[in-house]
Amino acid sequence: MANQFDDLNLLIAQAHAYAGSHVYLYKGGPVPPHVTHIRIDKSIQLIPSDIFSESDVQEVEMHNGVYKIAGLAFYNCRCLERISGATGVRVVDEGAFYGCRRLTDVEFGKKLERIGQGAFTRCKSLRGLKIPSVKIVDRNAFQYCINMTDVVFGKGLERMGELVFLNCYSLQRIAMPLKEDLISDDNVFKGCGNVANVELVGAVHNTISHFSLQVWKDEMNDEIGRINQVLPAVSAHRKAAAVRQWIQRVHARVQYFTNEHNKSLEEYATLLELVLWRDSLNDETDHDNDNEPSLEAKNPRKKARIDADSVRTRKERRTTCGANVVIKNVLSFLQLKY
């Protein structure tokens, strides 16, 4: 009898080893127990709610046709380490990876737009994320990701909810766009005492680089860098407020200098028109001087007629000197929009 039990245990162990060493092709429905490596079939476009929750899965290979990972899809998958090929995913729903404490590698593409509430809560092995296409990050999305050091968002980020980074003790750096209403909650960085570096992404640096005066560029670069000088000394519960106030200051200064830049272009346009007109008239004068005055030109009446013709010619020269073309096509190119 003992030998029979030993044989049975051996068969079970072999079955587990077999299941673990082969990739399971998921085509829908329940997943067999003890499967560790899963490939999502091309026919699947939605990872259903709870489908892999609390399973032994370690790696999941998706494809670009998967557009959504539903709520709690990988809830408490304590062995899950890697998600690859999720380049078509647009939404990671509520609690999708909650408690995946070994998850270190998540490969999203440029289509991800929303991260739901608590989607990556307690993913203790996550160290960094680059999610450049995300627009909305709901509350508690990354809470207790205690080893995450940096997060890079893109220029399209529109909103971060409450307590997004609650107790992310190791978080040091965040990259995000310059938007006044991006941080509306003072608890975004609650418990994140090590946040010390904020970087701006998007068009703001390009706008500043085109300012017409170097002193404006220098002032803006100093203002942008100031947050990283003061933030390390700010307490955790005040960091969100400090970042929000800094964003407001930077935004206001960029807008002010952008307006000043465009005003200066209007002055340059007037000067340019006068210069082009002057050069055109000089060409006319030089041309007239090349011709000897005729005897008729010495006659006062004929001279008056010639002067009248000259005035008319000058007016024509003013409209045909090229100023309209230059101002329309060159100065408008130099105008800044912010």
Protein backbone atom coordinates (compact mmCIF):
# COMPACT_ATOMS: atom_id res chain seq x y z
CA MET A 1 0.00 0.00 0.00
CA ALA A 2 2.87 2.33 0.88
CA ASN A 3 4.41 1.73 -2.52
CA GLN A 4 1.13 2.60 -4.20
CA PHE A 5 1.00 5.93 -2.34
CA ASP A 6 4.60 6.61 -3.26
CA ASP A 7 3.85 5.92 -6.91
CA LEU A 8 0.79 8.19 -6.77
CA ASN A 9 2.77 11.00 -5.20
CA LEU A 10 5.44 10.57 -7.86
CA LEU A 11 2.85 10.79 -10.63
CA ILE A 12 1.40 13.94 -9.10
CA ALA A 13 4.82 15.49 -8.80
CA GLN A 14 5.61 14.56 -12.41
CA ALA A 15 2.31 16.05 -13.56
CA HIS A 16 3.10 19.29 -11.74
CA ALA A 17 6.58 19.38 -13.26
CA TYR A 18 5.15 18.70 -16.72
CA ALA A 19 2.59 21.45 -16.36
CA GLY A 20 5.24 23.86 -15.10
CA SER A 21 7.68 23.17 -17.89
CA HIS A 22 5.23 23.71 -20.75
CA VAL A 23 3.44 26.80 -21.98
CA TYR A 24 -0.31 26.59 -21.64
CA LEU A 25 -2.23 28.16 -24.54
CA TYR A 26 -5.16 30.00 -23.03
CA LYS A 27 -8.23 30.05 -25.29
CA GLY A 28 -10.83 30.90 -22.67
CA GLY A 29 -12.58 29.17 -19.80
CA PRO A 30 -11.08 27.87 -16.55
CA VAL A 31 -7.34 27.39 -16.29
CA PRO A 32 -5.99 24.01 -15.11
CA PRO A 33 -4.31 24.10 -11.68
CA HIS A 34 -0.55 24.41 -11.33
CA VAL A 35 -0.05 25.96 -14.77
CA THR A 36 2.88 28.38 -14.52
CA HIS A 37 3.53 29.62 -18.06
CA ILE A 38 0.65 30.93 -20.15
CA ARG A 39 0.40 32.22 -23.71
CA ILE A 40 -2.77 34.11 -24.61
CA ASP A 41 -4.32 32.82 -27.83
CA LYS A 42 -4.90 35.28 -30.69
CA SER A 43 -8.64 34.78 -30.33
CA ILE A 44 -8.64 36.36 -26.86
CA GLN A 45 -8.94 40.15 -26.72
CA LEU A 46 -10.05 40.57 -23.10
CA ILE A 47 -8.46 38.99 -20.02
CA PRO A 48 -11.58 38.25 -17.90
CA SER A 49 -12.08 39.20 -14.26
CA ASP A 50 -10.61 36.81 -11.69
CA ILE A 51 -9.56 34.33 -14.38
CA PHE A 52 -6.01 33.81 -13.08
CA SER A 53 -6.49 35.07 -9.51
CA GLU A 54 -4.53 33.25 -6.80
CA SER A 55 -3.07 30.83 -9.34
CA ASP A 56 0.51 29.55 -9.65
CA VAL A 57 1.17 31.44 -12.88
CA GLN A 58 4.68 32.84 -13.21
CA GLU A 59 4.81 34.25 -16.72
CA VAL A 60 2.15 35.42 -19.17
CA GLU A 61 2.78 36.12 -22.84
CA MET A 62 0.10 38.30 -24.44
CA HIS A 63 -0.31 39.71 -27.96
CA ASN A 64 -1.17 43.15 -29.29
CA GLY A 65 -4.82 42.23 -29.79
CA VAL A 66 -5.50 42.15 -26.05
CA TYR A 67 -7.06 45.54 -25.26
CA LYS A 68 -8.10 45.13 -21.64
CA ILE A 69 -7.05 43.37 -18.45
CA ALA A 70 -10.22 43.21 -16.37
CA GLY A 71 -10.57 43.68 -12.62
CA LEU A 72 -8.75 41.22 -10.33
CA ALA A 73 -7.59 39.22 -13.36
CA PHE A 74 -4.28 38.37 -11.64
CA TYR A 75 -5.34 39.10 -8.07
CA ASN A 76 -2.90 37.74 -5.51
CA CYS A 77 -0.84 35.75 -8.01
CA ARG A 78 2.09 35.54 -5.65
CA CYS A 79 4.37 33.75 -8.12
CA LEU A 80 3.73 36.04 -11.10
CA GLU A 81 6.97 37.62 -12.27
CA ARG A 82 6.51 38.77 -15.84
CA ILE A 83 3.88 40.05 -18.27
CA SER A 84 5.13 40.38 -21.86
CA GLY A 85 3.61 41.42 -25.17
CA ALA A 86 0.83 43.53 -23.65
CA THR A 87 1.46 46.23 -26.25
CA GLY A 88 -2.19 46.63 -27.24
CA VAL A 89 -3.64 46.95 -23.73
CA ARG A 90 -5.62 50.18 -23.23
CA VAL A 91 -7.07 49.57 -19.78
CA VAL A 92 -5.74 47.82 -16.69
CA ASP A 93 -8.80 47.57 -14.50
CA GLU A 94 -9.36 47.74 -10.75
CA GLY A 95 -7.09 45.47 -8.72
CA ALA A 96 -5.87 43.63 -11.82
CA PHE A 97 -2.43 42.88 -10.31
CA TYR A 98 -3.25 43.40 -6.64
CA GLY A 99 -0.84 41.46 -4.43
CA CYS A 100 1.45 40.21 -7.22
CA ARG A 101 4.42 40.59 -4.91
CA ARG A 102 7.01 39.05 -7.28
CA LEU A 103 6.01 41.03 -10.36
CA THR A 104 9.08 42.83 -11.68
CA ASP A 105 8.61 43.10 -15.43
CA VAL A 106 5.49 44.49 -17.11
CA GLU A 107 5.71 45.25 -20.83
CA PHE A 108 3.06 47.74 -21.91
CA GLY A 109 3.09 49.57 -25.22
CA LYS A 110 1.97 53.02 -26.33
CA LYS A 111 -1.78 52.38 -26.13
CA LEU A 112 -2.28 52.10 -22.38
CA GLU A 113 -4.63 54.90 -21.32
CA ARG A 114 -6.03 54.04 -17.91
CA ILE A 115 -4.80 52.34 -14.76
CA GLY A 116 -7.66 51.45 -12.47
CA GLN A 117 -8.03 51.77 -8.72
CA GLY A 118 -5.52 49.64 -6.83
CA ALA A 119 -4.37 48.00 -10.07
CA PHE A 120 -0.78 47.44 -8.82
CA THR A 121 -1.33 47.62 -5.07
CA ARG A 122 1.25 45.65 -3.07
CA CYS A 123 3.37 44.77 -6.09
CA LYS A 124 6.37 44.81 -3.83
CA SER A 125 8.97 43.87 -6.46
CA LEU A 126 8.14 46.59 -8.97
CA ARG A 127 11.06 48.98 -9.18
CA GLY A 128 10.20 51.24 -12.10
CA LEU A 129 7.54 51.84 -14.71
CA LYS A 130 7.56 53.66 -18.04
CA ILE A 131 3.98 54.32 -19.09
CA PRO A 132 4.19 57.21 -21.57
CA SER A 133 0.67 56.93 -23.00
CA VAL A 134 -1.34 56.78 -19.77
CA LYS A 135 -3.99 59.49 -19.36
CA ILE A 136 -5.70 58.56 -16.09
CA VAL A 137 -4.29 56.90 -12.98
CA ASP A 138 -7.02 56.12 -10.46
CA ARG A 139 -6.69 56.22 -6.69
CA ASN A 140 -4.40 53.82 -4.85
CA ALA A 141 -3.07 52.51 -8.16
CA PHE A 142 0.47 51.91 -6.82
CA GLN A 143 0.02 51.90 -3.06
CA TYR A 144 2.53 49.85 -1.09
CA CYS A 145 4.82 49.32 -4.07
CA ILE A 146 7.52 49.61 -1.48
CA ASN A 147 10.52 49.06 -3.77
CA MET A 148 9.47 51.24 -6.69
CA THR A 149 12.01 54.01 -7.20
CA ASP A 150 10.82 55.87 -10.30
CA VAL A 151 7.79 56.30 -12.55
CA VAL A 152 7.86 57.96 -15.97
CA PHE A 153 4.61 59.27 -17.40
CA GLY A 154 4.14 60.94 -20.77
CA LYS A 155 2.80 64.27 -21.97
CA GLY A 156 -0.74 62.88 -22.23
CA LEU A 157 -1.23 62.32 -18.49
CA GLU A 158 -4.41 64.13 -17.40
CA ARG A 159 -5.18 63.08 -13.85
CA MET A 160 -3.76 61.29 -10.83
CA GLY A 161 -6.25 60.17 -8.20
CA GLU A 162 -6.01 60.17 -4.43
CA LEU A 163 -3.28 58.21 -2.67
CA VAL A 164 -1.84 56.97 -5.98
CA PHE A 165 1.59 56.36 -4.44
CA LEU A 166 0.51 55.73 -0.85
CA ASN A 167 3.45 54.40 1.18
CA CYS A 168 5.77 53.90 -1.79
CA TYR A 169 8.65 54.32 0.62
CA SER A 170 11.42 54.00 -2.01
CA LEU A 171 9.95 56.34 -4.62
CA GLN A 172 12.52 58.98 -5.53
CA ARG A 173 11.76 60.23 -9.03
CA ILE A 174 8.66 60.98 -11.09
CA ALA A 175 8.46 62.37 -14.62
CA MET A 176 5.22 64.06 -15.68
CA PRO A 177 3.84 66.85 -17.89
CA LEU A 178 3.34 70.48 -16.86
CA LYS A 179 -0.42 70.67 -16.20
CA GLU A 180 -2.00 72.79 -13.50
CA ASP A 181 -4.81 70.39 -12.55
CA LEU A 182 -2.72 67.23 -12.65
CA ILE A 183 -2.29 66.93 -8.87
CA SER A 184 -5.52 67.83 -7.09
CA ASP A 185 -5.03 65.74 -3.96
CA ASP A 186 -2.52 66.49 -1.19
CA ASN A 187 -2.16 62.78 -0.44
CA VAL A 188 -0.77 61.66 -3.79
CA PHE A 189 2.66 61.14 -2.22
CA LYS A 190 1.52 60.27 1.30
CA GLY A 191 4.17 58.15 2.95
CA CYS A 192 6.68 58.85 0.16
CA GLY A 193 9.35 60.55 2.21
CA ASN A 194 12.12 59.93 -0.33
CA VAL A 195 10.57 61.73 -3.31
CA ALA A 196 13.27 64.21 -4.29
CA ASN A 197 13.21 64.59 -8.07
CA VAL A 198 10.50 65.79 -10.43
CA GLU A 199 11.13 66.02 -14.16
CA LEU A 200 8.93 67.63 -16.77
CA VAL A 201 8.05 65.87 -20.01
CA GLY A 202 6.29 67.24 -23.08
CA ALA A 203 6.61 70.43 -25.10
CA VAL A 204 7.57 72.83 -22.31
CA HIS A 205 11.33 72.45 -22.86
CA ASN A 206 10.94 73.04 -26.60
CA THR A 207 8.86 76.16 -25.92
CA ILE A 208 11.47 77.56 -23.56
CA SER A 209 14.30 76.85 -26.02
CA HIS A 210 12.59 79.13 -28.58
CA PHE A 211 12.23 82.17 -26.32
CA SER A 212 13.77 85.18 -28.04
CA LEU A 213 15.79 86.34 -25.01
CA GLN A 214 18.40 84.25 -23.22
CA VAL A 215 17.51 85.81 -19.87
CA TRP A 216 14.00 84.35 -20.17
CA LYS A 217 15.43 80.91 -20.90
CA ASP A 218 17.77 81.12 -17.92
CA GLU A 219 15.00 82.23 -15.56
CA MET A 220 12.73 79.38 -16.65
CA ASN A 221 15.45 76.75 -16.33
CA ASP A 222 16.21 78.01 -12.83
CA GLU A 223 12.52 77.87 -11.91
CA ILE A 224 12.15 74.33 -13.23
CA GLY A 225 15.21 73.12 -11.36
CA ARG A 226 14.20 74.76 -8.08
CA ILE A 227 11.77 71.98 -7.10
CA ASN A 228 14.60 69.46 -6.92
CA GLN A 229 16.50 71.71 -4.53
CA VAL A 230 13.66 72.15 -2.06
CA LEU A 231 11.69 68.89 -2.35
CA PRO A 232 14.14 66.65 -0.44
CA ALA A 233 13.64 68.79 2.67
CA VAL A 234 9.83 68.82 2.42
CA SER A 235 7.96 66.38 4.66
CA ALA A 236 6.07 63.52 3.00
CA HIS A 237 2.62 64.91 3.71
CA ARG A 238 3.58 68.27 2.14
CA LYS A 239 5.30 67.04 -1.04
CA ALA A 240 2.17 66.94 -3.22
CA ALA A 241 1.27 70.51 -2.25
CA ALA A 242 4.83 71.65 -2.94
CA VAL A 243 4.83 70.05 -6.38
CA ARG A 244 1.40 71.50 -7.21
CA GLN A 245 2.47 75.03 -6.23
CA TRP A 246 5.66 74.67 -8.24
CA ILE A 247 3.69 73.54 -11.31
CA GLN A 248 1.46 76.60 -10.99
CA ARG A 249 4.49 78.93 -10.81
CA VAL A 250 6.25 77.33 -13.75
CA HIS A 251 3.08 77.32 -15.83
CA ALA A 252 2.44 81.01 -15.12
CA ARG A 253 6.01 82.03 -16.00
CA VAL A 254 6.05 80.02 -19.22
CA GLN A 255 2.77 81.62 -20.24
CA TYR A 256 4.07 85.11 -19.40
CA PHE A 257 7.29 84.72 -21.38
CA THR A 258 5.42 83.12 -24.28
CA ASN A 259 3.18 86.19 -24.47
CA GLU A 260 6.19 88.50 -24.26
CA HIS A 261 7.92 86.56 -27.02
CA ASN A 262 4.91 86.91 -29.31
CA LYS A 263 4.60 90.64 -28.52
CA SER A 264 8.22 91.15 -29.51
CA LEU A 265 7.50 89.40 -32.80
CA GLU A 266 4.88 92.04 -33.58
CA GLU A 267 7.51 94.76 -33.09
CA TYR A 268 9.95 92.84 -35.23
CA ALA A 269 7.28 92.56 -37.93
CA THR A 270 6.92 96.35 -38.10
CA LEU A 271 10.68 96.86 -38.27
CA LEU A 272 11.04 94.17 -40.89
CA GLU A 273 8.35 95.76 -43.05
CA LEU A 274 10.10 99.14 -42.85
CA VAL A 275 13.47 97.61 -43.71
CA LEU A 276 12.10 95.76 -46.70
CA TRP A 277 10.29 98.89 -47.88
CA ARG A 278 13.44 100.99 -47.45
CA ASP A 279 15.54 98.52 -49.41
CA SER A 280 12.95 98.43 -52.16
CA LEU A 281 12.92 102.23 -52.40
CA ASN A 282 16.72 102.36 -52.41
CA ASP A 283 16.71 100.00 -55.37
CA GLU A 284 14.31 102.37 -57.14
CA THR A 285 16.46 105.42 -56.38
CA ASP A 286 19.59 103.70 -57.59
CA HIS A 287 17.80 102.77 -60.78
CA ASP A 288 16.66 106.37 -61.34
CA ASN A 289 20.14 107.72 -60.75
CA ASP A 290 21.50 105.48 -63.46
CA ASN A 291 19.43 107.35 -66.05
CA GLU A 292 20.39 110.87 -67.15
CA PRO A 293 17.58 113.38 -66.65
CA SER A 294 16.02 114.40 -69.91
CA LEU A 295 15.53 118.00 -70.91
CA GLU A 296 11.80 117.64 -70.43
CA ALA A 297 12.37 116.77 -66.77
CA LYS A 298 13.69 120.29 -66.24
CA ASN A 299 10.27 121.67 -67.15
CA PRO A 300 8.33 122.34 -63.87
CA ARG A 301 5.08 120.87 -65.16
CA LYS A 302 6.74 117.75 -66.40
CA LYS A 303 8.71 117.54 -63.15
CA ALA A 304 5.47 117.69 -61.12
CA ARG A 305 4.05 114.88 -63.19
CA ILE A 306 7.23 112.86 -62.66
CA ASP A 307 7.05 113.48 -58.88
CA ALA A 308 3.43 112.30 -58.84
CA ASP A 309 4.43 109.19 -60.71
CA SER A 310 7.23 108.67 -58.17
CA VAL A 311 4.83 108.87 -55.22
CA ARG A 312 2.52 106.37 -56.89
CA THR A 313 5.46 104.09 -57.58
CA ARG A 314 6.59 104.33 -53.97
CA LYS A 315 3.15 103.25 -52.76
CA GLU A 316 3.27 100.32 -55.12
CA ARG A 317 6.72 99.46 -53.87
CA ARG A 318 5.45 99.44 -50.31
CA THR A 319 2.84 96.81 -51.14
CA THR A 320 5.14 94.79 -53.36
CA CYS A 321 8.33 94.85 -51.27
CA GLY A 322 7.67 91.33 -49.97
CA ALA A 323 6.77 92.27 -46.39
CA ASN A 324 3.37 90.59 -46.51
CA VAL A 325 4.89 87.32 -47.66
CA VAL A 326 7.71 87.40 -45.13
CA ILE A 327 5.54 88.38 -42.17
CA LYS A 328 2.90 85.79 -42.98
CA ASN A 329 5.24 82.87 -43.60
CA VAL A 330 8.28 83.61 -41.46
CA LEU A 331 7.13 85.44 -38.36
CA SER A 332 4.10 83.20 -37.92
CA PHE A 333 6.52 80.26 -37.90
CA LEU A 334 8.43 81.91 -35.04
CA GLN A 335 5.30 82.50 -32.95
CA LEU A 336 4.96 80.27 -29.88
CA LYS A 337 1.80 78.52 -28.77
CA TYR A 338 1.46 77.31 -25.19
